[in-house]
């Protein structure tokens, strides 16, 4: 199928609608009154006036439809949104007509449930072949996903008698992460120790002494151990032990009764805040949500993947959650190294015990503020 054929099919598939404005309703009432007067009186002046008014209606419909023809719409949204935090989305509109401009265009993004995100986006004049970039804020109110369906383009050009609308189907789904909130100072102090660097007994970059040896050509002069050099009258350099990265596993329990919906959402938000905080400290993180487990990683890209997992997690009733900690087929290095932080919204939820260090955060304690034990 050629590009021209696809363009024609897209235009035919557009969902269009026409709404009479208050001015248009008044105009049509006056036209009806003039028509009645023309029929009753037979006056040619009334017939001439009626024909001019009906011509205005016809021109209004044709001109409005021409403004909406051959428009190209694209939407740009962030890869990840946060609850109650504004983010910038953008609509790009281009006039694909070669000779005719479009006027008085008004754009509105529409969600999958039919709710219009009217942010007052307007283009007063769009010349042939020209494009415009219009940005607007997106503020999701709940965690999960924001589903966008259509972009509606409307115009009342030229006389404001009719409001003509064309809906362009541009579906998109954007994950909405739980809100990132500042962590309480008490919680930060209690969690300051877990996951610190552990020294492994091998040569590498670190701070602990691994070995002393004679200086060799090419060694860094900053590694000279001056105290031993002065005592032995020989150039002695120090070798240090390598340090492993700080690691932490955060486990979010999905197990909670129906009465704990609000506490569960706070637990999800706290988990996201912990991930954000530890990523800033350079931790290698792994997230366990219910029976799902990610791999260890670090950096902003890995944080985005973990927040995506939190965006779609759902609370489960007691008895429905399956833990992954009974799988001992993994190597001890994968399961046992680093700290484990368990976040649960229900105190009767089971706690995994396959880690060197466990910090348990109960959201029910202290009014949902969390408590480490």
Protein backbone atom coordinates (compact mmCIF):
# COMPACT_ATOMS: atom_id res chain seq x y z
CA UNK A 1 0.00 0.00 0.00
CA UNK A 2 1.38 3.37 -1.01
CA UNK A 3 1.91 6.25 1.39
CA UNK A 4 -0.90 8.22 -0.26
CA UNK A 5 -3.33 5.34 0.24
CA UNK A 6 -2.39 5.01 3.91
CA UNK A 7 -2.88 8.76 4.37
CA UNK A 8 -6.36 8.55 2.82
CA UNK A 9 -7.31 5.62 5.07
CA UNK A 10 -6.11 7.49 8.17
CA UNK A 11 -8.23 10.48 7.26
CA UNK A 12 -11.29 8.29 6.67
CA UNK A 13 -10.74 6.56 10.03
CA UNK A 14 -10.76 9.84 11.96
CA UNK A 15 -13.64 10.19 14.36
CA UNK A 16 -15.24 13.55 13.68
CA UNK A 17 -17.98 15.46 15.46
CA UNK A 18 -19.71 18.81 15.12
CA UNK A 19 -21.22 20.89 17.91
CA UNK A 20 -23.25 24.03 17.48
CA UNK A 21 -22.00 26.97 19.53
CA UNK A 22 -24.35 29.36 21.33
CA UNK A 23 -23.69 31.94 18.62
CA UNK A 24 -24.37 29.31 15.97
CA UNK A 25 -27.69 28.36 17.61
CA UNK A 26 -28.76 32.00 17.59
CA UNK A 27 -27.68 32.34 13.95
CA UNK A 28 -29.69 29.25 12.93
CA UNK A 29 -32.75 30.56 14.79
CA UNK A 30 -32.48 33.86 12.94
CA UNK A 31 -32.09 31.99 9.63
CA UNK A 32 -35.22 30.02 10.43
CA UNK A 33 -37.07 33.23 11.25
CA UNK A 34 -35.94 34.84 7.98
CA UNK A 35 -37.04 31.71 6.07
CA UNK A 36 -40.49 31.83 7.65
CA UNK A 37 -40.78 35.53 6.82
CA UNK A 38 -39.70 34.88 3.20
CA UNK A 39 -42.30 32.17 2.73
CA UNK A 40 -45.09 34.22 4.32
CA UNK A 41 -44.36 37.50 2.56
CA UNK A 42 -42.82 36.33 -0.73
CA UNK A 43 -40.37 39.23 -0.46
CA UNK A 44 -37.26 38.65 -2.59
CA UNK A 45 -35.13 40.57 -0.08
CA UNK A 46 -35.91 37.96 2.59
CA UNK A 47 -35.02 35.17 0.17
CA UNK A 48 -31.73 36.92 -0.62
CA UNK A 49 -30.93 37.33 3.07
CA UNK A 50 -31.81 33.67 3.75
CA UNK A 51 -29.54 32.48 0.97
CA UNK A 52 -26.66 34.56 2.35
CA UNK A 53 -27.16 33.11 5.83
CA UNK A 54 -27.30 29.53 4.55
CA UNK A 55 -24.19 30.20 2.47
CA UNK A 56 -22.46 31.32 5.67
CA UNK A 57 -23.39 28.03 7.34
CA UNK A 58 -22.05 26.07 4.35
CA UNK A 59 -18.81 28.07 4.19
CA UNK A 60 -18.34 27.65 7.95
CA UNK A 61 -18.58 23.84 7.70
CA UNK A 62 -16.30 23.56 4.66
CA UNK A 63 -13.66 25.91 6.08
CA UNK A 64 -13.60 24.15 9.48
CA UNK A 65 -13.23 20.75 7.84
CA UNK A 66 -10.41 22.07 5.68
CA UNK A 67 -8.58 23.29 8.80
CA UNK A 68 -8.72 19.79 10.31
CA UNK A 69 -7.70 17.92 7.17
CA UNK A 70 -4.20 16.47 6.68
CA UNK A 71 -2.90 17.25 10.15
CA UNK A 72 -0.14 15.09 11.61
CA UNK A 73 -0.14 14.65 15.39
CA UNK A 74 2.56 13.11 17.58
CA UNK A 75 2.73 12.82 21.34
CA UNK A 76 5.89 12.78 23.48
CA UNK A 77 5.59 11.66 27.11
CA UNK A 78 8.22 10.79 29.78
CA UNK A 79 9.26 7.18 30.23
CA UNK A 80 8.20 7.29 33.88
CA UNK A 81 5.84 9.49 35.90
CA UNK A 82 5.58 10.00 39.66
CA UNK A 83 2.42 10.33 41.71
CA UNK A 84 1.41 13.96 42.32
CA UNK A 85 4.57 15.27 40.65
CA UNK A 86 4.15 17.37 37.49
CA UNK A 87 5.94 16.17 34.38
CA UNK A 88 6.07 17.74 30.95
CA UNK A 89 4.37 16.10 27.99
CA UNK A 90 4.33 17.51 24.46
CA UNK A 91 2.13 17.40 21.39
CA UNK A 92 3.61 18.03 17.95
CA UNK A 93 1.18 19.16 15.25
CA UNK A 94 2.11 19.59 11.61
CA UNK A 95 0.06 20.91 8.71
CA UNK A 96 0.45 18.46 5.83
CA UNK A 97 -1.45 20.61 3.34
CA UNK A 98 0.59 22.21 0.57
CA UNK A 99 -1.48 25.34 -0.05
CA UNK A 100 -3.97 25.96 2.74
CA UNK A 101 -3.32 27.07 6.27
CA UNK A 102 -5.17 25.90 9.37
CA UNK A 103 -6.60 28.41 11.82
CA UNK A 104 -7.88 28.56 15.39
CA UNK A 105 -6.87 25.01 16.36
CA UNK A 106 -7.35 23.80 19.91
CA UNK A 107 -5.72 20.56 21.09
CA UNK A 108 -6.68 18.31 23.97
CA UNK A 109 -5.18 15.00 25.12
CA UNK A 110 -7.72 12.33 26.03
CA UNK A 111 -7.17 9.45 28.47
CA UNK A 112 -8.44 5.91 27.90
CA UNK A 113 -11.48 6.53 30.14
CA UNK A 114 -12.53 9.51 28.02
CA UNK A 115 -11.29 12.21 30.38
CA UNK A 116 -9.92 15.19 28.49
CA UNK A 117 -6.69 16.82 29.66
CA UNK A 118 -7.57 20.32 28.50
CA UNK A 119 -4.54 22.53 29.15
CA UNK A 120 -5.52 25.36 26.82
CA UNK A 121 -3.24 24.28 23.97
CA UNK A 122 -4.01 26.43 20.94
CA UNK A 123 -2.50 27.25 17.54
CA UNK A 124 -3.93 30.42 15.99
CA UNK A 125 -2.26 30.02 12.58
CA UNK A 126 -0.51 26.99 11.12
CA UNK A 127 0.91 27.68 7.62
CA UNK A 128 1.23 24.91 5.01
CA UNK A 129 4.02 22.46 5.89
CA UNK A 130 4.66 24.15 9.26
CA UNK A 131 4.69 22.47 12.66
CA UNK A 132 4.27 23.51 16.28
CA UNK A 133 5.45 21.99 19.55
CA UNK A 134 3.02 22.44 22.44
CA UNK A 135 3.90 21.30 25.96
CA UNK A 136 1.63 20.80 28.94
CA UNK A 137 1.94 19.37 32.48
CA UNK A 138 0.94 15.82 33.38
CA UNK A 139 0.14 15.24 37.07
CA UNK A 140 -0.96 11.64 37.74
CA UNK A 141 -2.98 11.16 40.91
CA UNK A 142 -2.47 7.44 41.50
CA UNK A 143 0.18 4.76 41.07
CA UNK A 144 -0.07 2.30 38.20
CA UNK A 145 -0.28 3.41 34.61
CA UNK A 146 -1.61 6.44 32.81
CA UNK A 147 -3.29 5.38 29.58
CA UNK A 148 -3.64 8.01 26.88
CA UNK A 149 -5.90 7.24 23.96
CA UNK A 150 -6.68 10.11 21.59
CA UNK A 151 -5.71 13.65 20.75
CA UNK A 152 -8.68 15.80 19.80
CA UNK A 153 -8.18 18.82 17.53
CA UNK A 154 -11.03 21.33 17.34
CA UNK A 155 -11.72 24.57 15.53
CA UNK A 156 -14.55 27.08 15.29
CA UNK A 157 -13.06 28.84 12.24
CA UNK A 158 -14.18 31.01 10.50
CA UNK A 159 -17.36 32.43 12.07
CA UNK A 160 -17.61 30.60 15.38
CA UNK A 161 -20.95 29.02 14.46
CA UNK A 162 -19.84 25.39 14.83
CA UNK A 163 -17.21 23.63 16.89
CA UNK A 164 -15.77 20.92 14.64
CA UNK A 165 -13.57 18.21 16.19
CA UNK A 166 -11.34 15.46 14.77
CA UNK A 167 -9.96 12.75 17.09
CA UNK A 168 -6.58 11.20 16.27
CA UNK A 169 -6.00 7.77 17.83
CA UNK A 170 -2.51 7.81 19.42
CA UNK A 171 -2.56 5.24 22.26
CA UNK A 172 0.19 5.33 24.86
CA UNK A 173 0.71 3.81 28.32
CA UNK A 174 3.04 5.49 30.80
CA UNK A 175 3.98 3.79 34.11
CA UNK A 176 3.32 5.90 37.21
CA UNK A 177 5.80 5.30 40.02
CA UNK A 178 4.89 5.85 43.68
CA UNK A 179 5.86 9.21 45.08
CA UNK A 180 9.47 9.74 46.20
CA UNK A 181 9.39 11.24 49.69
CA UNK A 182 12.14 12.36 52.09
CA UNK A 183 13.05 9.56 54.49
CA UNK A 184 12.73 10.23 58.23
CA UNK A 185 16.04 11.02 59.92
CA UNK A 186 15.54 8.25 62.47
CA UNK A 187 15.04 5.71 59.70
CA UNK A 188 18.19 6.90 57.91
CA UNK A 189 20.26 6.54 61.10
CA UNK A 190 18.98 3.01 61.70
CA UNK A 191 19.71 2.03 58.09
CA UNK A 192 23.12 3.74 57.84
CA UNK A 193 25.10 0.55 58.46
CA UNK A 194 23.65 -2.08 56.13
CA UNK A 195 25.39 -2.95 52.94
CA UNK A 196 28.70 -1.19 53.62
CA UNK A 197 31.71 -2.22 51.60
CA UNK A 198 33.16 -5.57 52.52
CA UNK A 199 36.82 -6.28 52.00
CA UNK A 200 37.69 -9.35 49.99
CA UNK A 201 41.11 -10.89 50.37
CA UNK A 202 42.60 -10.08 46.99
CA UNK A 203 44.79 -7.37 45.58
CA UNK A 204 42.98 -4.38 44.14
CA UNK A 205 41.89 -0.82 44.78
CA UNK A 206 40.89 -0.21 48.37
CA UNK A 207 42.05 1.20 51.69
CA UNK A 208 43.15 -1.85 53.71
CA UNK A 209 46.71 -3.18 53.50
CA UNK A 210 47.14 -6.38 51.49
CA UNK A 211 50.94 -6.75 51.15
CA UNK A 212 54.29 -4.94 51.20
CA UNK A 213 56.85 -5.58 48.46
CA UNK A 214 59.90 -4.06 46.82
CA UNK A 215 59.39 -1.22 44.40
CA UNK A 216 59.34 -2.22 40.72
CA UNK A 217 59.68 -0.01 37.66
CA UNK A 218 56.29 1.34 36.70
CA UNK A 219 54.83 1.35 40.21
CA UNK A 220 52.93 4.46 41.29
CA UNK A 221 55.10 6.58 43.56
CA UNK A 222 52.04 7.35 45.67
CA UNK A 223 51.99 3.71 46.84
CA UNK A 224 55.44 3.92 48.48
CA UNK A 225 55.27 2.95 52.15
CA UNK A 226 57.64 5.55 53.55
CA UNK A 227 57.83 4.21 57.10
CA UNK A 228 59.07 0.78 55.98
CA UNK A 229 61.28 2.39 53.32
CA UNK A 230 63.02 4.50 55.99
CA UNK A 231 63.50 1.53 58.26
CA UNK A 232 64.89 -0.85 55.61
CA UNK A 233 66.59 1.70 53.34
CA UNK A 234 64.79 0.06 50.41
CA UNK A 235 61.90 1.38 48.37
CA UNK A 236 58.85 -0.53 49.62
CA UNK A 237 55.39 -0.15 48.11
CA UNK A 238 52.10 -1.20 49.62
CA UNK A 239 49.37 -3.24 47.93
CA UNK A 240 45.77 -2.81 49.07
CA UNK A 241 42.89 -5.21 49.28
CA UNK A 242 40.04 -4.77 46.86
CA UNK A 243 36.72 -3.60 48.23
CA UNK A 244 33.43 -4.96 46.99
CA UNK A 245 30.53 -2.68 46.16
CA UNK A 246 27.87 -1.86 48.72
CA UNK A 247 24.93 -4.14 48.12
CA UNK A 248 21.40 -4.11 49.42
CA UNK A 249 18.30 -6.13 48.68
CA UNK A 250 14.95 -4.50 49.32
CA UNK A 251 12.01 -6.84 49.74
CA UNK A 252 8.47 -5.45 49.55
CA UNK A 253 5.83 -7.78 50.94
CA UNK A 254 2.59 -7.69 48.98
CA UNK A 255 0.72 -9.60 51.64
CA UNK A 256 -1.89 -7.49 53.46
CA UNK A 257 -5.63 -7.68 54.16
CA UNK A 258 -8.18 -5.43 52.48
CA UNK A 259 -8.18 -3.04 55.43
CA UNK A 260 -4.52 -2.16 54.79
CA UNK A 261 -4.83 -0.52 51.36
CA UNK A 262 -3.63 2.91 52.55
CA UNK A 263 -0.77 1.40 54.59
CA UNK A 264 0.25 -0.73 51.62
CA UNK A 265 0.48 2.34 49.37
CA UNK A 266 2.68 4.01 51.99
CA UNK A 267 4.89 0.91 52.03
CA UNK A 268 5.26 1.04 48.25
CA UNK A 269 6.13 4.75 48.42
CA UNK A 270 8.70 4.09 51.18
CA UNK A 271 10.27 1.33 49.08
CA UNK A 272 10.61 3.71 46.13
CA UNK A 273 12.13 6.35 48.42
CA UNK A 274 14.64 3.83 49.77
CA UNK A 275 15.65 2.81 46.24
CA UNK A 276 16.12 6.45 45.26
CA UNK A 277 18.15 7.23 48.40
CA UNK A 278 20.44 4.20 48.17
CA UNK A 279 21.01 4.73 44.44
CA UNK A 280 22.27 8.21 45.26
CA UNK A 281 24.73 6.64 47.70
CA UNK A 282 26.13 4.33 45.01
CA UNK A 283 24.57 1.06 46.20
CA UNK A 284 24.13 -1.98 44.01
CA UNK A 285 20.46 -2.79 44.50
CA UNK A 286 18.15 -5.72 43.99
CA UNK A 287 14.37 -5.49 44.39
CA UNK A 288 12.11 -8.33 45.40
CA UNK A 289 8.40 -7.67 45.01
CA UNK A 290 6.31 -10.62 46.08
CA UNK A 291 7.63 -13.57 44.07
CA UNK A 292 9.45 -11.42 41.49
CA UNK A 293 13.13 -10.72 41.83
CA UNK A 294 15.38 -8.38 39.87
CA UNK A 295 19.10 -8.69 39.37
CA UNK A 296 21.68 -6.52 41.11
CA UNK A 297 22.41 -3.24 39.38
CA UNK A 298 23.21 0.39 40.01
CA UNK A 299 22.71 3.80 38.46
CA UNK A 300 19.72 5.76 37.23
CA UNK A 301 18.77 3.32 34.46
CA UNK A 302 18.54 0.44 36.93
CA UNK A 303 16.54 2.66 39.32
CA UNK A 304 13.99 3.37 36.58
CA UNK A 305 13.51 -0.37 35.99
CA UNK A 306 12.92 -0.96 39.71
CA UNK A 307 10.45 1.91 39.94
CA UNK A 308 8.59 0.47 36.94
CA UNK A 309 8.19 -2.78 38.88
CA UNK A 310 6.81 -0.87 41.86
CA UNK A 311 4.40 1.03 39.62
CA UNK A 312 2.51 -2.15 38.70
CA UNK A 313 2.72 -4.18 41.92
CA UNK A 314 -0.60 -5.05 43.57
CA UNK A 315 -1.57 -5.97 47.11
CA UNK A 316 -2.47 -9.59 47.68
CA UNK A 317 -4.75 -11.07 50.27
CA UNK A 318 -3.22 -13.36 52.93
CA UNK A 319 -2.41 -16.77 51.52
CA UNK A 320 -1.87 -15.60 47.92
CA UNK A 321 1.78 -14.54 48.09
CA UNK A 322 4.56 -16.92 47.05
CA UNK A 323 8.03 -16.17 48.35
CA UNK A 324 11.18 -16.69 46.30
CA UNK A 325 13.49 -17.25 49.23
CA UNK A 326 13.10 -21.01 49.29
CA UNK A 327 15.18 -21.28 46.10
CA UNK A 328 18.65 -22.29 47.31
CA UNK A 329 19.93 -23.24 43.85
CA UNK A 330 21.52 -19.84 43.43
CA UNK A 331 25.09 -19.29 44.50
CA UNK A 332 25.81 -17.95 48.00
CA UNK A 333 27.35 -14.86 46.40
CA UNK A 334 24.02 -14.07 44.74
CA UNK A 335 21.84 -14.67 47.79
CA UNK A 336 23.98 -13.99 50.81
CA UNK A 337 26.02 -10.85 50.22
CA UNK A 338 24.87 -7.43 51.24
CA UNK A 339 22.09 -6.21 53.44
CA UNK A 340 18.40 -6.99 53.21
CA UNK A 341 15.72 -4.42 53.99
CA UNK A 342 12.22 -5.82 54.39
CA UNK A 343 9.25 -3.48 54.04
CA UNK A 344 5.85 -4.83 55.01
CA UNK A 345 2.48 -3.22 55.59
CA UNK A 346 1.11 -6.10 57.66
CA UNK A 347 2.97 -7.36 60.71
CA UNK A 348 1.84 -10.96 60.22
CA UNK A 349 3.45 -11.22 56.78
CA UNK A 350 6.39 -13.69 56.71
CA UNK A 351 9.93 -12.33 56.77
CA UNK A 352 12.74 -13.86 54.64
CA UNK A 353 15.86 -14.84 56.58
CA UNK A 354 18.45 -15.66 53.88
CA UNK A 355 20.73 -12.67 54.32
CA UNK A 356 23.63 -11.63 56.53
CA UNK A 357 21.87 -8.47 57.69
CA UNK A 358 18.12 -7.90 57.89
CA UNK A 359 16.38 -4.61 58.63
CA UNK A 360 12.65 -4.96 59.11
CA UNK A 361 10.40 -1.95 58.49
CA UNK A 362 6.84 -2.32 59.74
CA UNK A 363 4.57 0.37 58.29
CA UNK A 364 1.83 -0.32 60.86
CA UNK A 365 4.10 0.94 63.61
CA UNK A 366 4.17 4.60 64.52
CA UNK A 367 1.17 5.58 62.36
CA UNK A 368 2.57 4.28 59.08
CA UNK A 369 5.88 6.08 59.49
CA UNK A 370 7.81 2.84 59.64
CA UNK A 371 9.93 1.24 62.33
CA UNK A 372 13.18 -0.65 61.95
CA UNK A 373 13.78 -3.71 64.05
